[in-house]
PDB file of all heavy atoms in Angstrom:
ATOM      1  N   VAL A   1      -4.145  -9.129   3.983  1.00  0.00           N
ATOM      2  CA  VAL A   1      -3.339  -8.377   3.020  1.00  0.00           C
ATOM      3  C   VAL A   1      -2.261  -9.330   2.518  1.00  0.00           C
ATOM      4  O   VAL A   1      -1.462  -9.835   3.299  1.00  0.00           O
ATOM      5  CB  VAL A   1      -2.679  -7.140   3.665  1.00  0.00           C
ATOM      6  CG1 VAL A   1      -1.840  -6.393   2.633  1.00  0.00           C
ATOM      7  CG2 VAL A   1      -3.728  -6.231   4.276  1.00  0.00           C
ATOM      8  N   ILE A   2      -2.259  -9.602   1.216  1.00  0.00           N
ATOM      9  CA  ILE A   2      -1.307 -10.563   0.661  1.00  0.00           C
ATOM     10  C   ILE A   2      -0.199  -9.851  -0.114  1.00  0.00           C
ATOM     11  O   ILE A   2      -0.354  -8.700  -0.525  1.00  0.00           O
ATOM     12  CB  ILE A   2      -2.008 -11.589  -0.258  1.00  0.00           C
ATOM     13  CG1 ILE A   2      -2.604 -10.886  -1.480  1.00  0.00           C
ATOM     14  CG2 ILE A   2      -3.075 -12.348   0.505  1.00  0.00           C
ATOM     15  CD1 ILE A   2      -3.153 -11.841  -2.517  1.00  0.00           C
ATOM     16  N   MET A   3       0.917 -10.559  -0.279  1.00  0.00           N
ATOM     17  CA  MET A   3       2.006 -10.026  -1.100  1.00  0.00           C
ATOM     18  C   MET A   3       1.506  -9.912  -2.536  1.00  0.00           C
ATOM     19  O   MET A   3       1.172 -10.908  -3.164  1.00  0.00           O
ATOM     20  CB  MET A   3       3.222 -10.947  -1.024  1.00  0.00           C
ATOM     21  CG  MET A   3       4.359 -10.548  -1.960  1.00  0.00           C
ATOM     22  SD  MET A   3       5.099  -8.931  -1.587  1.00  0.00           S
ATOM     23  CE  MET A   3       5.994  -9.310  -0.068  1.00  0.00           C
ATOM     24  N   PRO A   4       1.445  -8.688  -3.074  1.00  0.00           N
ATOM     25  CA  PRO A   4       0.888  -8.524  -4.427  1.00  0.00           C
ATOM     26  C   PRO A   4       1.849  -9.008  -5.500  1.00  0.00           C
ATOM     27  O   PRO A   4       3.058  -9.062  -5.298  1.00  0.00           O
ATOM     28  CB  PRO A   4       0.678  -7.008  -4.519  1.00  0.00           C
ATOM     29  CG  PRO A   4       1.713  -6.430  -3.604  1.00  0.00           C
ATOM     30  CD  PRO A   4       1.855  -7.410  -2.472  1.00  0.00           C
ATOM     31  N   LYS A   5       1.303  -9.343  -6.644  1.00  0.00           N
ATOM     32  CA  LYS A   5       2.115  -9.717  -7.804  1.00  0.00           C
ATOM     33  C   LYS A   5       2.495  -8.432  -8.522  1.00  0.00           C
ATOM     34  O   LYS A   5       1.658  -7.783  -9.134  1.00  0.00           O
ATOM     35  CB  LYS A   5       1.338 -10.651  -8.726  1.00  0.00           C
ATOM     36  CG  LYS A   5       2.175 -11.232  -9.873  1.00  0.00           C
ATOM     37  CD  LYS A   5       1.383 -12.259 -10.653  1.00  0.00           C
ATOM     38  CE  LYS A   5       2.193 -12.861 -11.792  1.00  0.00           C
ATOM     39  NZ  LYS A   5       3.395 -13.577 -11.300  1.00  0.00           N
ATOM     40  N   MET A   6       3.779  -8.077  -8.474  1.00  0.00           N
ATOM     41  CA  MET A   6       4.248  -6.797  -8.972  1.00  0.00           C
ATOM     42  C   MET A   6       4.612  -6.830 -10.449  1.00  0.00           C
ATOM     43  O   MET A   6       5.001  -5.814 -11.005  1.00  0.00           O
ATOM     44  CB  MET A   6       5.462  -6.343  -8.158  1.00  0.00           C
ATOM     45  CG  MET A   6       5.230  -6.325  -6.653  1.00  0.00           C
ATOM     46  SD  MET A   6       3.980  -5.133  -6.170  1.00  0.00           S
ATOM     47  CE  MET A   6       4.820  -3.617  -6.538  1.00  0.00           C
ATOM     48  N   GLY A   7       4.530  -7.974 -11.067  1.00  0.00           N
ATOM     49  CA  GLY A   7       4.859  -8.088 -12.481  1.00  0.00           C
ATOM     50  C   GLY A   7       4.830  -9.543 -12.901  1.00  0.00           C
ATOM     51  O   GLY A   7       4.794 -10.451 -12.061  1.00  0.00           O
ATOM     52  N   GLU A   8       4.862  -9.768 -14.213  1.00  0.00           N
ATOM     53  CA  GLU A   8       4.744 -11.126 -14.730  1.00  0.00           C
ATOM     54  C   GLU A   8       5.875 -12.032 -14.252  1.00  0.00           C
ATOM     55  O   GLU A   8       5.689 -13.205 -13.996  1.00  0.00           O
ATOM     56  CB  GLU A   8       4.719 -11.093 -16.269  1.00  0.00           C
ATOM     57  CG  GLU A   8       3.434 -10.537 -16.850  1.00  0.00           C
ATOM     58  CD  GLU A   8       2.216 -11.364 -16.471  1.00  0.00           C
ATOM     59  OE1 GLU A   8       2.334 -12.604 -16.388  1.00  0.00           O
ATOM     60  OE2 GLU A   8       1.143 -10.776 -16.246  1.00  0.00           O
ATOM     61  N   SER A   9       7.090 -11.468 -14.129  1.00  0.00           N
ATOM     62  CA  SER A   9       8.250 -12.286 -13.768  1.00  0.00           C
ATOM     63  C   SER A   9       8.569 -12.237 -12.280  1.00  0.00           C
ATOM     64  O   SER A   9       9.551 -12.814 -11.838  1.00  0.00           O
ATOM     65  CB  SER A   9       9.476 -11.828 -14.569  1.00  0.00           C
ATOM     66  OG  SER A   9       9.788 -10.478 -14.275  1.00  0.00           O
ATOM     67  N   ILE A  10       7.756 -11.545 -11.498  1.00  0.00           N
ATOM     68  CA  ILE A  10       8.029 -11.373 -10.067  1.00  0.00           C
ATOM     69  C   ILE A  10       7.359 -12.501  -9.288  1.00  0.00           C
ATOM     70  O   ILE A  10       6.148 -12.718  -9.396  1.00  0.00           O
ATOM     71  CB  ILE A  10       7.519 -10.007  -9.560  1.00  0.00           C
ATOM     72  CG1 ILE A  10       8.087  -8.869 -10.406  1.00  0.00           C
ATOM     73  CG2 ILE A  10       7.885  -9.824  -8.103  1.00  0.00           C
ATOM     74  CD1 ILE A  10       9.588  -8.772 -10.398  1.00  0.00           C
ATOM     75  N   THR A  11       8.142 -13.237  -8.496  1.00  0.00           N
ATOM     76  CA  THR A  11       7.602 -14.356  -7.714  1.00  0.00           C
ATOM     77  C   THR A  11       7.583 -14.080  -6.219  1.00  0.00           C
ATOM     78  O   THR A  11       6.935 -14.804  -5.474  1.00  0.00           O
ATOM     79  CB  THR A  11       8.429 -15.631  -7.969  1.00  0.00           C
ATOM     80  OG1 THR A  11       9.795 -15.392  -7.599  1.00  0.00           O
ATOM     81  CG2 THR A  11       8.362 -16.034  -9.436  1.00  0.00           C
ATOM     82  N   ASP A  12       8.320 -13.074  -5.770  1.00  0.00           N
ATOM     83  CA  ASP A  12       8.318 -12.746  -4.344  1.00  0.00           C
ATOM     84  C   ASP A  12       8.703 -11.286  -4.163  1.00  0.00           C
ATOM     85  O   ASP A  12       9.047 -10.586  -5.111  1.00  0.00           O
ATOM     86  CB  ASP A  12       9.269 -13.661  -3.554  1.00  0.00           C
ATOM     87  CG  ASP A  12      10.695 -13.614  -4.086  1.00  0.00           C
ATOM     88  OD1 ASP A  12      11.099 -12.581  -4.655  1.00  0.00           O
ATOM     89  OD2 ASP A  12      11.429 -14.607  -3.927  1.00  0.00           O
ATOM     90  N   GLY A  13       8.620 -10.819  -2.930  1.00  0.00           N
ATOM     91  CA  GLY A  13       8.983  -9.441  -2.616  1.00  0.00           C
ATOM     92  C   GLY A  13       9.586  -9.367  -1.236  1.00  0.00           C
ATOM     93  O   GLY A  13       9.363 -10.226  -0.384  1.00  0.00           O
ATOM     94  N   THR A  14      10.366  -8.324  -1.007  1.00  0.00           N
ATOM     95  CA  THR A  14      11.013  -8.104   0.292  1.00  0.00           C
ATOM     96  C   THR A  14      10.327  -6.955   1.016  1.00  0.00           C
ATOM     97  O   THR A  14      10.110  -5.883   0.433  1.00  0.00           O
ATOM     98  CB  THR A  14      12.504  -7.766   0.109  1.00  0.00           C
ATOM     99  OG1 THR A  14      13.143  -8.828  -0.611  1.00  0.00           O
ATOM    100  CG2 THR A  14      13.189  -7.587   1.451  1.00  0.00           C
ATOM    101  N   ILE A  15       9.972  -7.174   2.269  1.00  0.00           N
ATOM    102  CA  ILE A  15       9.370  -6.123   3.082  1.00  0.00           C
ATOM    103  C   ILE A  15      10.457  -5.105   3.425  1.00  0.00           C
ATOM    104  O   ILE A  15      11.436  -5.425   4.108  1.00  0.00           O
ATOM    105  CB  ILE A  15       8.758  -6.686   4.378  1.00  0.00           C
ATOM    106  CG1 ILE A  15       7.745  -7.800   4.061  1.00  0.00           C
ATOM    107  CG2 ILE A  15       8.102  -5.568   5.183  1.00  0.00           C
ATOM    108  CD1 ILE A  15       6.552  -7.348   3.273  1.00  0.00           C
ATOM    109  N   LEU A  16      10.305  -3.867   2.945  1.00  0.00           N
ATOM    110  CA  LEU A  16      11.298  -2.826   3.205  1.00  0.00           C
ATOM    111  C   LEU A  16      10.910  -1.926   4.373  1.00  0.00           C
ATOM    112  O   LEU A  16      11.771  -1.525   5.165  1.00  0.00           O
ATOM    113  CB  LEU A  16      11.501  -1.967   1.948  1.00  0.00           C
ATOM    114  CG  LEU A  16      12.007  -2.697   0.699  1.00  0.00           C
ATOM    115  CD1 LEU A  16      12.190  -1.707  -0.442  1.00  0.00           C
ATOM    116  CD2 LEU A  16      13.315  -3.422   0.994  1.00  0.00           C
ATOM    117  N   GLU A  17       9.613  -1.623   4.483  1.00  0.00           N
ATOM    118  CA  GLU A  17       9.198  -0.694   5.541  1.00  0.00           C
ATOM    119  C   GLU A  17       7.706  -0.830   5.827  1.00  0.00           C
ATOM    120  O   GLU A  17       6.888  -0.902   4.905  1.00  0.00           O
ATOM    121  CB  GLU A  17       9.496   0.752   5.116  1.00  0.00           C
ATOM    122  CG  GLU A  17       9.081   1.799   6.132  1.00  0.00           C
ATOM    123  CD  GLU A  17       9.253   3.224   5.640  1.00  0.00           C
ATOM    124  OE1 GLU A  17       9.629   3.391   4.459  1.00  0.00           O
ATOM    125  OE2 GLU A  17       9.001   4.147   6.419  1.00  0.00           O
ATOM    126  N   TRP A  18       7.371  -0.911   7.110  1.00  0.00           N
ATOM    127  CA  TRP A  18       5.976  -0.795   7.546  1.00  0.00           C
ATOM    128  C   TRP A  18       5.774   0.632   8.036  1.00  0.00           C
ATOM    129  O   TRP A  18       6.440   1.065   8.975  1.00  0.00           O
ATOM    130  CB  TRP A  18       5.665  -1.774   8.677  1.00  0.00           C
ATOM    131  CG  TRP A  18       5.552  -3.207   8.235  1.00  0.00           C
ATOM    132  CD1 TRP A  18       6.469  -4.193   8.395  1.00  0.00           C
ATOM    133  CD2 TRP A  18       4.448  -3.805   7.561  1.00  0.00           C
ATOM    134  NE1 TRP A  18       6.022  -5.367   7.857  1.00  0.00           N
ATOM    135  CE2 TRP A  18       4.771  -5.166   7.335  1.00  0.00           C
ATOM    136  CE3 TRP A  18       3.217  -3.327   7.107  1.00  0.00           C
ATOM    137  CZ2 TRP A  18       3.915  -6.047   6.694  1.00  0.00           C
ATOM    138  CZ3 TRP A  18       2.357  -4.210   6.462  1.00  0.00           C
ATOM    139  CH2 TRP A  18       2.707  -5.546   6.268  1.00  0.00           C
ATOM    140  N   ARG A  19       4.867   1.355   7.412  1.00  0.00           N
ATOM    141  CA  ARG A  19       4.624   2.750   7.797  1.00  0.00           C
ATOM    142  C   ARG A  19       3.523   2.875   8.844  1.00  0.00           C
ATOM    143  O   ARG A  19       3.203   3.981   9.279  1.00  0.00           O
ATOM    144  CB  ARG A  19       4.284   3.577   6.556  1.00  0.00           C
ATOM    145  CG  ARG A  19       5.424   3.581   5.550  1.00  0.00           C
ATOM    146  CD  ARG A  19       5.148   4.436   4.350  1.00  0.00           C
ATOM    147  NE  ARG A  19       6.280   4.397   3.432  1.00  0.00           N
ATOM    148  CZ  ARG A  19       6.301   5.004   2.250  1.00  0.00           C
ATOM    149  NH1 ARG A  19       5.251   5.700   1.852  1.00  0.00           N
ATOM    150  NH2 ARG A  19       7.368   4.910   1.473  1.00  0.00           N
ATOM    151  N   LYS A  20       2.941   1.745   9.187  1.00  0.00           N
ATOM    152  CA  LYS A  20       1.959   1.681  10.265  1.00  0.00           C
ATOM    153  C   LYS A  20       2.369   0.560  11.203  1.00  0.00           C
ATOM    154  O   LYS A  20       3.013  -0.412  10.802  1.00  0.00           O
ATOM    155  CB  LYS A  20       0.559   1.410   9.706  1.00  0.00           C
ATOM    156  CG  LYS A  20      -0.003   2.516   8.831  1.00  0.00           C
ATOM    157  CD  LYS A  20      -0.388   3.737   9.650  1.00  0.00           C
ATOM    158  CE  LYS A  20      -1.056   4.784   8.768  1.00  0.00           C
ATOM    159  NZ  LYS A  20      -1.509   5.969   9.551  1.00  0.00           N
ATOM    160  N   LYS A  21       1.989   0.696  12.459  1.00  0.00           N
ATOM    161  CA  LYS A  21       2.245  -0.365  13.429  1.00  0.00           C
ATOM    162  C   LYS A  21       0.921  -0.975  13.860  1.00  0.00           C
ATOM    163  O   LYS A  21      -0.156  -0.410  13.600  1.00  0.00           O
ATOM    164  CB  LYS A  21       3.008   0.176  14.639  1.00  0.00           C
ATOM    165  CG  LYS A  21       2.303   1.257  15.420  1.00  0.00           C
ATOM    166  CD  LYS A  21       3.176   1.735  16.562  1.00  0.00           C
ATOM    167  CE  LYS A  21       2.456   2.775  17.424  1.00  0.00           C
ATOM    168  NZ  LYS A  21       2.194   4.024  16.702  1.00  0.00           N
ATOM    169  N   VAL A  22       1.014  -2.139  14.482  1.00  0.00           N
ATOM    170  CA  VAL A  22      -0.179  -2.833  14.934  1.00  0.00           C
ATOM    171  C   VAL A  22      -0.984  -1.922  15.862  1.00  0.00           C
ATOM    172  O   VAL A  22      -0.438  -1.318  16.786  1.00  0.00           O
ATOM    173  CB  VAL A  22       0.197  -4.146  15.657  1.00  0.00           C
ATOM    174  CG1 VAL A  22      -1.041  -4.766  16.300  1.00  0.00           C
ATOM    175  CG2 VAL A  22       0.831  -5.121  14.679  1.00  0.00           C
ATOM    176  N   GLY A  23      -2.281  -1.804  15.588  1.00  0.00           N
ATOM    177  CA  GLY A  23      -3.151  -0.944  16.374  1.00  0.00           C
ATOM    178  C   GLY A  23      -3.465   0.372  15.694  1.00  0.00           C
ATOM    179  O   GLY A  23      -4.395   1.071  16.096  1.00  0.00           O
ATOM    180  N   ASP A  24      -2.705   0.727  14.633  1.00  0.00           N
ATOM    181  CA  ASP A  24      -2.950   1.978  13.913  1.00  0.00           C
ATOM    182  C   ASP A  24      -4.128   1.833  12.960  1.00  0.00           C
ATOM    183  O   ASP A  24      -4.381   0.756  12.407  1.00  0.00           O
ATOM    184  CB  ASP A  24      -1.713   2.403  13.117  1.00  0.00           C
ATOM    185  CG  ASP A  24      -0.598   2.930  14.002  1.00  0.00           C
ATOM    186  OD1 ASP A  24      -0.861   3.149  15.202  1.00  0.00           O
ATOM    187  OD2 ASP A  24       0.522   3.117  13.495  1.00  0.00           O
ATOM    188  N   PHE A  25      -4.831   2.954  12.766  1.00  0.00           N
ATOM    189  CA  PHE A  25      -5.911   2.981  11.781  1.00  0.00           C
ATOM    190  C   PHE A  25      -5.326   3.258  10.401  1.00  0.00           C
ATOM    191  O   PHE A  25      -4.450   4.115  10.243  1.00  0.00           O
ATOM    192  CB  PHE A  25      -6.944   4.060  12.130  1.00  0.00           C
ATOM    193  CG  PHE A  25      -8.116   4.107  11.169  1.00  0.00           C
ATOM    194  CD1 PHE A  25      -9.152   3.197  11.284  1.00  0.00           C
ATOM    195  CD2 PHE A  25      -8.152   5.056  10.152  1.00  0.00           C
ATOM    196  CE1 PHE A  25     -10.223   3.234  10.395  1.00  0.00           C
ATOM    197  CE2 PHE A  25      -9.217   5.096   9.272  1.00  0.00           C
ATOM    198  CZ  PHE A  25     -10.254   4.180   9.399  1.00  0.00           C
TER     199      PHE A  25
END
């Protein structure tokens, strides 16, 4: 799962929240 390109001028993104934890389906 890669950081998606959210727009033409967007070069990076900040992780705000993981709604799943490791091991979750």
